[in-house]
PDB file of N, CA and C in Angstrom:
ATOM      1  N   MET A   1       0.896  -1.100   0.040  1.00  0.00           N
ATOM      2  CA  MET A   1       0.014  -0.097  -0.134  1.00  0.00           C
ATOM      3  C   MET A   1       0.956   1.316   0.216  1.00  0.00           C
ATOM      4  N   THR A   2       0.825   2.164  -0.873  1.00  0.00           N
ATOM      5  CA  THR A   2       1.466   3.464  -0.945  1.00  0.00           C
ATOM      6  C   THR A   2       1.092   4.314   0.206  1.00  0.00           C
ATOM      7  N   GLU A   3       1.812   5.158   0.657  1.00  0.00           N
ATOM      8  CA  GLU A   3       1.548   6.049   1.651  1.00  0.00           C
ATOM      9  C   GLU A   3       0.309   6.872   1.214  1.00  0.00           C
ATOM     10  N   GLN A   4       0.093   7.467   0.122  1.00  0.00           N
ATOM     11  CA  GLN A   4      -1.085   8.021  -0.392  1.00  0.00           C
ATOM     12  C   GLN A   4      -2.401   7.243  -0.020  1.00  0.00           C
ATOM     13  N   ASN A   5      -2.440   6.093  -0.261  1.00  0.00           N
ATOM     14  CA  ASN A   5      -3.464   4.958  -0.279  1.00  0.00           C
ATOM     15  C   ASN A   5      -3.671   4.790   1.312  1.00  0.00           C
ATOM     16  N   HIS A   6      -2.581   4.786   2.125  1.00  0.00           N
ATOM     17  CA  HIS A   6      -2.821   4.428   3.392  1.00  0.00           C
ATOM     18  C   HIS A   6      -3.585   5.823   4.327  1.00  0.00           C
ATOM     19  N   GLU A   7      -3.174   6.835   3.711  1.00  0.00           N
ATOM     20  CA  GLU A   7      -3.363   7.969   4.363  1.00  0.00           C
ATOM     21  C   GLU A   7      -5.358   8.051   4.099  1.00  0.00           C
ATOM     22  N   GLU A   8      -5.459   7.709   3.074  1.00  0.00           N
ATOM     23  CA  GLU A   8      -6.945   7.674   2.701  1.00  0.00           C
ATOM     24  C   GLU A   8      -7.789   6.483   3.324  1.00  0.00           C
ATOM     25  N   ALA A   9      -6.948   5.346   3.512  1.00  0.00           N
ATOM     26  CA  ALA A   9      -7.721   4.424   4.459  1.00  0.00           C
ATOM     27  C   ALA A   9      -7.909   4.531   5.755  1.00  0.00           C
ATOM     28  N   VAL A  10      -7.015   5.409   6.266  1.00  0.00           N
ATOM     29  CA  VAL A  10      -7.356   5.716   7.774  1.00  0.00           C
ATOM     30  C   VAL A  10      -8.078   7.105   7.906  1.00  0.00           C
ATOM     31  N   LYS A  11      -8.733   7.806   7.056  1.00  0.00           N
ATOM     32  CA  LYS A  11      -9.625   9.181   7.058  1.00  0.00           C
ATOM     33  C   LYS A  11     -10.844   8.696   7.758  1.00  0.00           C
ATOM     34  N   PRO A  12     -11.236   9.284   8.497  1.00  0.00           N
ATOM     35  CA  PRO A  12     -12.515   9.137   9.021  1.00  0.00           C
ATOM     36  C   PRO A  12     -13.655   9.124   8.200  1.00  0.00           C
ATOM     37  N   THR A  13     -14.617   8.515   8.127  1.00  0.00           N
ATOM     38  CA  THR A  13     -16.013   8.982   7.114  1.00  0.00           C
ATOM     39  C   THR A  13     -16.712  10.012   7.947  1.00  0.00           C
ATOM     40  N   ALA A  14     -17.613  10.487   7.304  1.00  0.00           N
ATOM     41  CA  ALA A  14     -18.553  11.667   7.598  1.00  0.00           C
ATOM     42  C   ALA A  14     -19.439  11.014   8.939  1.00  0.00           C
ATOM     43  N   ALA A  15     -19.746   9.993   9.186  1.00  0.00           N
ATOM     44  CA  ALA A  15     -20.621   9.114  10.052  1.00  0.00           C
ATOM     45  C   ALA A  15     -19.885   8.856  11.098  1.00  0.00           C
ATOM     46  N   SER A  16     -18.740   8.340  10.993  1.00  0.00           N
ATOM     47  CA  SER A  16     -17.881   8.270  12.228  1.00  0.00           C
ATOM     48  C   SER A  16     -17.283   9.459  12.799  1.00  0.00           C
ATOM     49  N   ALA A  17     -17.211  10.394  11.970  1.00  0.00           N
ATOM     50  CA  ALA A  17     -16.636  11.631  12.496  1.00  0.00           C
ATOM     51  C   ALA A  17     -17.913  12.470  13.241  1.00  0.00           C
ATOM     52  N   GLY A  18     -19.106  12.349  12.893  1.00  0.00           N
ATOM     53  CA  GLY A  18     -20.103  12.909  13.440  1.00  0.00           C
ATOM     54  C   GLY A  18     -20.539  12.229  14.956  1.00  0.00           C
ATOM     55  N   ARG A  19     -20.081  10.720  15.048  1.00  0.00           N
ATOM     56  CA  ARG A  19     -20.176  10.247  16.372  1.00  0.00           C
ATOM     57  C   ARG A  19     -19.145  10.451  17.193  1.00  0.00           C
ATOM     58  N   ALA A  20     -17.999  10.848  16.831  1.00  0.00           N
ATOM     59  CA  ALA A  20     -16.668  11.398  17.379  1.00  0.00           C
ATOM     60  C   ALA A  20     -17.095  12.639  18.186  1.00  0.00           C
ATOM     61  N   GLU A  21     -17.459  13.357  17.175  1.00  0.00           N
ATOM     62  CA  GLU A  21     -17.991  14.965  17.983  1.00  0.00           C
ATOM     63  C   GLU A  21     -19.253  14.749  19.008  1.00  0.00           C
ATOM     64  N   ALA A  22     -20.070  13.766  18.651  1.00  0.00           N
ATOM     65  CA  ALA A  22     -21.068  13.877  19.646  1.00  0.00           C
ATOM     66  C   ALA A  22     -20.613  13.135  21.135  1.00  0.00           C
ATOM     67  N   VAL A  23     -19.629  12.449  20.885  1.00  0.00           N
ATOM     68  CA  VAL A  23     -19.235  11.653  22.082  1.00  0.00           C
ATOM     69  C   VAL A  23     -18.190  12.642  22.779  1.00  0.00           C
ATOM     70  N   ALA A  24     -17.484  13.662  21.749  1.00  0.00           N
ATOM     71  CA  ALA A  24     -16.377  14.092  22.691  1.00  0.00           C
ATOM     72  C   ALA A  24     -16.964  15.525  23.608  1.00  0.00           C
ATOM     73  N   GLU A  25     -18.173  15.847  23.334  1.00  0.00           N
ATOM     74  CA  GLU A  25     -18.716  16.802  23.995  1.00  0.00           C
ATOM     75  C   GLU A  25     -19.079  16.609  25.475  1.00  0.00           C
ATOM     76  N   ASP A  26     -18.476  17.095  26.413  1.00  0.00           N
ATOM     77  CA  ASP A  26     -18.552  16.657  27.783  1.00  0.00           C
ATOM     78  C   ASP A  26     -20.077  17.354  28.386  1.00  0.00           C
ATOM     79  N   LEU A  27     -20.925  16.581  28.595  1.00  0.00           N
ATOM     80  CA  LEU A  27     -22.323  17.056  28.949  1.00  0.00           C
ATOM     81  C   LEU A  27     -22.700  17.283  30.498  1.00  0.00           C
ATOM     82  N   SER A  28     -21.649  17.110  31.256  1.00  0.00           N
ATOM     83  CA  SER A  28     -21.675  17.048  32.691  1.00  0.00           C
ATOM     84  C   SER A  28     -22.554  18.313  33.213  1.00  0.00           C
ATOM     85  N   ALA A  29     -22.283  19.445  32.889  1.00  0.00           N
ATOM     86  CA  ALA A  29     -22.775  20.853  33.357  1.00  0.00           C
ATOM     87  C   ALA A  29     -24.244  20.870  32.863  1.00  0.00           C
ATOM     88  N   GLN A  30     -24.512  20.245  31.733  1.00  0.00           N
ATOM     89  CA  GLN A  30     -25.881  20.459  31.195  1.00  0.00           C
ATOM     90  C   GLN A  30     -26.901  19.147  31.999  1.00  0.00           C
ATOM     91  N   ILE A  31     -26.247  18.115  32.388  1.00  0.00           N
ATOM     92  CA  ILE A  31     -26.996  17.145  33.282  1.00  0.00           C
ATOM     93  C   ILE A  31     -27.408  17.803  34.551  1.00  0.00           C
ATOM     94  N   VAL A  32     -26.120  18.400  35.372  1.00  0.00           N
ATOM     95  CA  VAL A  32     -26.336  18.985  36.589  1.00  0.00           C
ATOM     96  C   VAL A  32     -27.527  19.869  36.479  1.00  0.00           C
ATOM     97  N   GLU A  33     -27.733  20.669  35.412  1.00  0.00           N
ATOM     98  CA  GLU A  33     -28.934  21.681  35.382  1.00  0.00           C
ATOM     99  C   GLU A  33     -30.188  21.147  34.950  1.00  0.00           C
ATOM    100  N   SER A  34     -30.348  19.683  34.527  1.00  0.00           N
ATOM    101  CA  SER A  34     -31.463  19.148  34.141  1.00  0.00           C
ATOM    102  C   SER A  34     -32.068  18.178  34.876  1.00  0.00           C
ATOM    103  N   VAL A  35     -31.185  17.488  35.964  1.00  0.00           N
ATOM    104  CA  VAL A  35     -31.826  16.383  36.797  1.00  0.00           C
ATOM    105  C   VAL A  35     -32.550  17.011  37.715  1.00  0.00           C
ATOM    106  N   GLU A  36     -33.588  16.161  38.318  1.00  0.00           N
ATOM    107  CA  GLU A  36     -34.364  16.504  39.485  1.00  0.00           C
ATOM    108  C   GLU A  36     -33.661  16.461  40.765  1.00  0.00           C
ATOM    109  N   ARG A  37     -33.952  17.295  41.697  1.00  0.00           N
ATOM    110  CA  ARG A  37     -33.197  17.439  43.170  1.00  0.00           C
ATOM    111  C   ARG A  37     -34.295  17.819  44.002  1.00  0.00           C
ATOM    112  N   ARG A  38     -33.936  17.337  45.216  1.00  0.00           N
ATOM    113  CA  ARG A  38     -34.838  18.113  46.464  1.00  0.00           C
ATOM    114  C   ARG A  38     -34.210  19.420  46.982  1.00  0.00           C
ATOM    115  N   PRO A  39     -35.025  20.107  47.752  1.00  0.00           N
ATOM    116  CA  PRO A  39     -34.455  21.369  48.228  1.00  0.00           C
ATOM    117  C   PRO A  39     -32.963  20.967  49.081  1.00  0.00           C
ATOM    118  N   GLY A  40     -32.199  21.921  48.834  1.00  0.00           N
ATOM    119  CA  GLY A  40     -30.947  21.712  49.539  1.00  0.00           C
ATOM    120  C   GLY A  40     -29.942  20.802  48.861  1.00  0.00           C
ATOM    121  N   ASP A  41     -30.270  19.890  48.006  1.00  0.00           N
ATOM    122  CA  ASP A  41     -29.427  19.169  47.127  1.00  0.00           C
ATOM    123  C   ASP A  41     -28.452  19.892  46.479  1.00  0.00           C
ATOM    124  N   VAL A  42     -27.173  19.417  46.535  1.00  0.00           N
ATOM    125  CA  VAL A  42     -25.871  19.931  45.621  1.00  0.00           C
ATOM    126  C   VAL A  42     -25.767  18.654  44.627  1.00  0.00           C
ATOM    127  N   VAL A  43     -26.052  18.790  43.410  1.00  0.00           N
ATOM    128  CA  VAL A  43     -25.641  17.713  42.282  1.00  0.00           C
ATOM    129  C   VAL A  43     -24.344  18.051  41.797  1.00  0.00           C
ATOM    130  N   ARG A  44     -23.477  17.005  41.775  1.00  0.00           N
ATOM    131  CA  ARG A  44     -22.218  16.926  41.078  1.00  0.00           C
ATOM    132  C   ARG A  44     -22.179  15.882  39.966  1.00  0.00           C
ATOM    133  N   CYS A  45     -21.781  16.045  38.912  1.00  0.00           N
ATOM    134  CA  CYS A  45     -21.643  14.969  37.627  1.00  0.00           C
ATOM    135  C   CYS A  45     -20.329  15.142  37.069  1.00  0.00           C
ATOM    136  N   THR A  46     -19.773  13.880  37.184  1.00  0.00           N
ATOM    137  CA  THR A  46     -18.237  13.786  36.331  1.00  0.00           C
ATOM    138  C   THR A  46     -18.699  12.863  35.305  1.00  0.00           C
ATOM    139  N   ARG A  47     -17.850  12.869  34.217  1.00  0.00           N
ATOM    140  CA  ARG A  47     -17.911  12.218  32.805  1.00  0.00           C
ATOM    141  C   ARG A  47     -16.987  11.032  33.179  1.00  0.00           C
ATOM    142  N   VAL A  48     -17.336  10.040  33.156  1.00  0.00           N
ATOM    143  CA  VAL A  48     -16.516   8.640  33.288  1.00  0.00           C
ATOM    144  C   VAL A  48     -15.840   8.308  31.974  1.00  0.00           C
ATOM    145  N   ILE A  49     -16.319   8.053  30.869  1.00  0.00           N
ATOM    146  CA  ILE A  49     -15.802   7.931  29.683  1.00  0.00           C
ATOM    147  C   ILE A  49     -16.819   7.914  28.679  1.00  0.00           C
ATOM    148  N   GLY A  50     -16.597   8.522  27.419  1.00  0.00           N
ATOM    149  CA  GLY A  50     -17.709   8.592  26.331  1.00  0.00           C
ATOM    150  C   GLY A  50     -18.793   9.473  26.847  1.00  0.00           C
ATOM    151  N   ASP A  51     -20.025   8.540  26.543  1.00  0.00           N
ATOM    152  CA  ASP A  51     -21.321   9.358  26.964  1.00  0.00           C
ATOM    153  C   ASP A  51     -21.696   8.814  28.425  1.00  0.00           C
ATOM    154  N   ARG A  52     -20.833   8.111  29.165  1.00  0.00           N
ATOM    155  CA  ARG A  52     -21.078   7.944  30.554  1.00  0.00           C
ATOM    156  C   ARG A  52     -20.840   8.602  31.578  1.00  0.00           C
ATOM    157  N   TYR A  53     -21.610   8.852  32.529  1.00  0.00           N
ATOM    158  CA  TYR A  53     -21.505  10.037  33.527  1.00  0.00           C
ATOM    159  C   TYR A  53     -21.597   9.204  34.895  1.00  0.00           C
ATOM    160  N   ARG A  54     -21.230   9.883  35.897  1.00  0.00           N
ATOM    161  CA  ARG A  54     -21.357   9.354  37.341  1.00  0.00           C
ATOM    162  C   ARG A  54     -21.930  10.595  38.162  1.00  0.00           C
ATOM    163  N   CYS A  55     -23.126  10.850  38.467  1.00  0.00           N
ATOM    164  CA  CYS A  55     -23.853  11.604  39.022  1.00  0.00           C
ATOM    165  C   CYS A  55     -24.359  11.384  40.748  1.00  0.00           C
ATOM    166  N   ASN A  56     -23.842  12.269  41.401  1.00  0.00           N
ATOM    167  CA  ASN A  56     -24.148  12.324  43.179  1.00  0.00           C
ATOM    168  C   ASN A  56     -25.153  13.399  43.358  1.00  0.00           C
ATOM    169  N   TRP A  57     -26.050  13.239  44.276  1.00  0.00           N
ATOM    170  CA  TRP A  57     -26.928  13.940  45.034  1.00  0.00           C
ATOM    171  C   TRP A  57     -26.416  14.273  46.408  1.00  0.00           C
ATOM    172  N   TRP A  58     -25.520  15.404  46.642  1.00  0.00           N
ATOM    173  CA  TRP A  58     -25.589  15.544  48.196  1.00  0.00           C
ATOM    174  C   TRP A  58     -26.384  16.294  48.912  1.00  0.00           C
ATOM    175  N   ALA A  59     -26.729  15.731  49.943  1.00  0.00           N
ATOM    176  CA  ALA A  59     -27.867  16.606  50.875  1.00  0.00           C
ATOM    177  C   ALA A  59     -27.211  16.843  52.242  1.00  0.00           C
ATOM    178  N   PRO A  60     -27.674  17.970  52.701  1.00  0.00           N
ATOM    179  CA  PRO A  60     -27.339  18.340  54.017  1.00  0.00           C
ATOM    180  C   PRO A  60     -27.513  17.409  55.156  1.00  0.00           C
ATOM    181  N   GLU A  61     -26.790  17.137  56.124  1.00  0.00           N
ATOM    182  CA  GLU A  61     -27.002  16.303  56.990  1.00  0.00           C
ATOM    183  C   GLU A  61     -27.752  16.882  58.323  1.00  0.00           C
ATOM    184  N   THR A  62     -28.559  15.849  58.790  1.00  0.00           N
ATOM    185  CA  THR A  62     -29.322  16.422  60.174  1.00  0.00           C
ATOM    186  C   THR A  62     -28.402  17.152  60.977  1.00  0.00           C
ATOM    187  N   LYS A  63     -28.602  18.123  61.853  1.00  0.00           N
ATOM    188  CA  LYS A  63     -27.801  18.900  62.516  1.00  0.00           C
ATOM    189  C   LYS A  63     -28.113  18.413  64.024  1.00  0.00           C
ATOM    190  N   ARG A  64     -29.230  17.680  64.348  1.00  0.00           N
ATOM    191  CA  ARG A  64     -29.587  17.071  65.730  1.00  0.00           C
ATOM    192  C   ARG A  64     -28.535  16.766  66.467  1.00  0.00           C
ATOM    193  N   ALA A  65     -27.357  15.936  65.888  1.00  0.00           N
ATOM    194  CA  ALA A  65     -26.453  15.364  66.715  1.00  0.00           C
ATOM    195  C   ALA A  65     -25.160  16.223  66.396  1.00  0.00           C
ATOM    196  N   TYR A  66     -25.132  17.175  65.807  1.00  0.00           N
ATOM    197  CA  TYR A  66     -24.178  17.831  65.289  1.00  0.00           C
ATOM    198  C   TYR A  66     -23.298  18.639  66.576  1.00  0.00           C
ATOM    199  N   ASP A  67     -22.093  18.539  66.773  1.00  0.00           N
ATOM    200  CA  ASP A  67     -21.529  18.854  67.958  1.00  0.00           C
ATOM    201  C   ASP A  67     -20.522  20.086  67.745  1.00  0.00           C
ATOM    202  N   ASN A  68     -20.501  20.622  66.430  1.00  0.00           N
ATOM    203  CA  ASN A  68     -19.459  21.486  66.343  1.00  0.00           C
ATOM    204  C   ASN A  68     -20.115  22.650  65.218  1.00  0.00           C
ATOM    205  N   PRO A  69     -21.036  23.670  65.692  1.00  0.00           N
ATOM    206  CA  PRO A  69     -21.679  24.492  64.921  1.00  0.00           C
ATOM    207  C   PRO A  69     -20.658  25.356  63.899  1.00  0.00           C
ATOM    208  N   GLN A  70     -19.346  25.660  64.358  1.00  0.00           N
ATOM    209  CA  GLN A  70     -18.639  26.190  63.531  1.00  0.00           C
ATOM    210  C   GLN A  70     -18.030  25.840  62.264  1.00  0.00           C
ATOM    211  N   MET A  71     -18.404  24.445  62.033  1.00  0.00           N
ATOM    212  CA  MET A  71     -18.131  23.838  60.676  1.00  0.00           C
ATOM    213  C   MET A  71     -19.417  23.658  59.801  1.00  0.00           C
ATOM    214  N   ALA A  72     -20.436  24.353  60.367  1.00  0.00           N
ATOM    215  CA  ALA A  72     -21.661  24.495  59.237  1.00  0.00           C
ATOM    216  C   ALA A  72     -21.165  25.118  57.693  1.00  0.00           C
ATOM    217  N   GLY A  73     -21.522  24.502  56.942  1.00  0.00           N
ATOM    218  CA  GLY A  73     -21.470  25.294  55.571  1.00  0.00           C
ATOM    219  C   GLY A  73     -20.233  24.069  54.776  1.00  0.00           C
ATOM    220  N   LEU A  74     -19.274  23.545  55.326  1.00  0.00           N
ATOM    221  CA  LEU A  74     -18.540  22.680  54.686  1.00  0.00           C
ATOM    222  C   LEU A  74     -19.080  21.370  54.272  1.00  0.00           C
ATOM    223  N   ILE A  75     -19.154  21.234  52.923  1.00  0.00           N
ATOM    224  CA  ILE A  75     -19.916  20.301  52.259  1.00  0.00           C
ATOM    225  C   ILE A  75     -19.215  18.923  52.737  1.00  0.00           C
ATOM    226  N   VAL A  76     -17.852  18.747  52.873  1.00  0.00           N
ATOM    227  CA  VAL A  76     -17.315  17.563  53.372  1.00  0.00           C
ATOM    228  C   VAL A  76     -17.700  16.957  54.605  1.00  0.00           C
ATOM    229  N   THR A  77     -18.015  17.752  55.642  1.00  0.00           N
ATOM    230  CA  THR A  77     -18.516  17.320  56.912  1.00  0.00           C
ATOM    231  C   THR A  77     -19.980  17.463  57.129  1.00  0.00           C
ATOM    232  N   THR A  78     -20.869  18.184  56.425  1.00  0.00           N
ATOM    233  CA  THR A  78     -22.019  18.508  56.611  1.00  0.00           C
ATOM    234  C   THR A  78     -23.207  17.850  55.795  1.00  0.00           C
ATOM    235  N   HIS A  79     -22.584  17.364  54.581  1.00  0.00           N
ATOM    236  CA  HIS A  79     -23.246  16.739  53.549  1.00  0.00           C
ATOM    237  C   HIS A  79     -23.107  15.420  53.291  1.00  0.00           C
ATOM    238  N   ARG A  80     -23.895  14.496  52.919  1.00  0.00           N
ATOM    239  CA  ARG A  80     -23.604  13.254  52.445  1.00  0.00           C
ATOM    240  C   ARG A  80     -24.456  12.705  51.277  1.00  0.00           C
ATOM    241  N   VAL A  81     -24.063  11.715  50.685  1.00  0.00           N
ATOM    242  CA  VAL A  81     -24.502  11.192  49.282  1.00  0.00           C
ATOM    243  C   VAL A  81     -25.843  10.675  49.454  1.00  0.00           C
ATOM    244  N   ARG A  82     -26.768  11.254  48.984  1.00  0.00           N
ATOM    245  CA  ARG A  82     -28.211  10.615  49.161  1.00  0.00           C
ATOM    246  C   ARG A  82     -28.479   9.932  48.158  1.00  0.00           C
ATOM    247  N   GLN A  83     -28.190   9.996  47.022  1.00  0.00           N
ATOM    248  CA  GLN A  83     -28.378   9.183  45.740  1.00  0.00           C
ATOM    249  C   GLN A  83     -27.147   9.182  44.703  1.00  0.00           C
ATOM    250  N   SER A  84     -27.082   8.336  43.897  1.00  0.00           N
ATOM    251  CA  SER A  84     -25.863   8.138  43.016  1.00  0.00           C
ATOM    252  C   SER A  84     -26.247   7.292  41.962  1.00  0.00           C
ATOM    253  N   HIS A  85     -26.102   7.850  40.802  1.00  0.00           N
ATOM    254  CA  HIS A  85     -26.289   7.122  39.421  1.00  0.00           C
ATOM    255  C   HIS A  85     -25.347   6.886  38.530  1.00  0.00           C
ATOM    256  N   PHE A  86     -24.975   5.984  37.828  1.00  0.00           N
ATOM    257  CA  PHE A  86     -24.264   6.104  36.744  1.00  0.00           C
ATOM    258  C   PHE A  86     -25.305   6.165  35.388  1.00  0.00           C
ATOM    259  N   LEU A  87     -25.009   7.455  34.690  1.00  0.00           N
ATOM    260  CA  LEU A  87     -25.999   7.830  33.581  1.00  0.00           C
ATOM    261  C   LEU A  87     -25.369   7.565  32.080  1.00  0.00           C
ATOM    262  N   ARG A  88     -26.202   7.542  31.250  1.00  0.00           N
ATOM    263  CA  ARG A  88     -25.813   7.774  29.837  1.00  0.00           C
ATOM    264  C   ARG A  88     -26.488   8.821  29.277  1.00  0.00           C
ATOM    265  N   ALA A  89     -25.616   9.788  28.586  1.00  0.00           N
ATOM    266  CA  ALA A  89     -26.218  10.996  27.994  1.00  0.00           C
ATOM    267  C   ALA A  89     -25.850  11.371  26.800  1.00  0.00           C
ATOM    268  N   THR A  90     -26.816  11.708  26.019  1.00  0.00           N
ATOM    269  CA  THR A  90     -26.550  12.089  24.773  1.00  0.00           C
ATOM    270  C   THR A  90     -27.314  13.310  24.197  1.00  0.00           C
ATOM    271  N   LYS A  91     -27.118  13.828  22.791  1.00  0.00           N
ATOM    272  CA  LYS A  91     -27.809  15.014  22.410  1.00  0.00           C
ATOM    273  C   LYS A  91     -28.655  14.242  21.246  1.00  0.00           C
ATOM    274  N   ALA A  92     -30.134  14.485  21.415  1.00  0.00           N
ATOM    275  CA  ALA A  92     -30.770  14.018  20.316  1.00  0.00           C
ATOM    276  C   ALA A  92     -31.037  15.251  19.383  1.00  0.00           C
ATOM    277  N   THR A  93     -31.660  14.801  18.102  1.00  0.00           N
ATOM    278  CA  THR A  93     -31.775  15.811  17.033  1.00  0.00           C
ATOM    279  C   THR A  93     -32.334  17.078  17.772  1.00  0.00           C
ATOM    280  N   GLY A  94     -32.080  18.247  17.394  1.00  0.00           N
ATOM    281  CA  GLY A  94     -32.561  19.456  17.786  1.00  0.00           C
ATOM    282  C   GLY A  94     -31.649  19.874  19.105  1.00  0.00           C
ATOM    283  N   GLY A  95     -30.761  19.087  19.642  1.00  0.00           N
ATOM    284  CA  GLY A  95     -29.840  19.599  20.537  1.00  0.00           C
ATOM    285  C   GLY A  95     -30.429  19.325  22.056  1.00  0.00           C
ATOM    286  N   ARG A  96     -31.702  18.324  22.208  1.00  0.00           N
ATOM    287  CA  ARG A  96     -32.437  18.003  23.337  1.00  0.00           C
ATOM    288  C   ARG A  96     -31.492  16.951  23.916  1.00  0.00           C
ATOM    289  N   LEU A  97     -31.146  17.365  25.257  1.00  0.00           N
ATOM    290  CA  LEU A  97     -30.450  16.036  26.020  1.00  0.00           C
ATOM    291  C   LEU A  97     -31.232  15.118  26.568  1.00  0.00           C
ATOM    292  N   VAL A  98     -30.624  13.827  26.227  1.00  0.00           N
ATOM    293  CA  VAL A  98     -31.471  12.435  26.672  1.00  0.00           C
ATOM    294  C   VAL A  98     -30.451  11.840  27.567  1.00  0.00           C
ATOM    295  N   ILE A  99     -31.032  11.696  28.692  1.00  0.00           N
ATOM    296  CA  ILE A  99     -30.307  10.938  29.916  1.00  0.00           C
ATOM    297  C   ILE A  99     -31.046   9.679  30.083  1.00  0.00           C
ATOM    298  N   ASN A 100     -30.130   8.709  30.487  1.00  0.00           N
ATOM    299  CA  ASN A 100     -30.808   7.186  30.614  1.00  0.00           C
ATOM    300  C   ASN A 100     -29.988   6.692  31.754  1.00  0.00           C
ATOM    301  N   VAL A 101     -30.709   6.244  33.013  1.00  0.00           N
ATOM    302  CA  VAL A 101     -30.008   5.780  34.208  1.00  0.00           C
ATOM    303  C   VAL A 101     -29.592   4.443  33.747  1.00  0.00           C
ATOM    304  N   VAL A 102     -28.050   4.129  33.973  1.00  0.00           N
ATOM    305  CA  VAL A 102     -27.558   3.003  33.809  1.00  0.00           C
ATOM    306  C   VAL A 102     -27.859   1.962  34.861  1.00  0.00           C
ATOM    307  N   THR A 103     -27.314   2.726  35.846  1.00  0.00           N
ATOM    308  CA  THR A 103     -27.259   1.900  37.405  1.00  0.00           C
ATOM    309  C   THR A 103     -28.102   2.857  38.371  1.00  0.00           C
ATOM    310  N   ALA A 104     -28.718   2.390  39.263  1.00  0.00           N
ATOM    311  CA  ALA A 104     -29.163   3.232  40.481  1.00  0.00           C
ATOM    312  C   ALA A 104     -28.750   2.715  41.760  1.00  0.00           C
ATOM    313  N   SER A 105     -28.751   3.474  42.650  1.00  0.00           N
ATOM    314  CA  SER A 105     -28.512   2.995  44.097  1.00  0.00           C
ATOM    315  C   SER A 105     -29.534   4.062  45.104  1.00  0.00           C
TER     316      SER A 105
END
């Protein structure tokens, strides 16, 4: 195979280039804005690979047994993961976000 033929053989097709662009976009911020949440929830979403994401819903802990009021507001000490999902997110025709739960806890 000549060098010119080799280059032509490895060029992506229009269809594969379109899929690569769709997968390349990180939709984490859009997922955070669109998922349901309870009052007080803080949602964090991280892209795992391709169109797969890990989304955690952090909720404030009850303060009944809280012994250090100076620490209020620090998410590490006053919040817990209330819900966690692995999601698959894609963009449909027209730019609409489509989110499917892969696993639920």
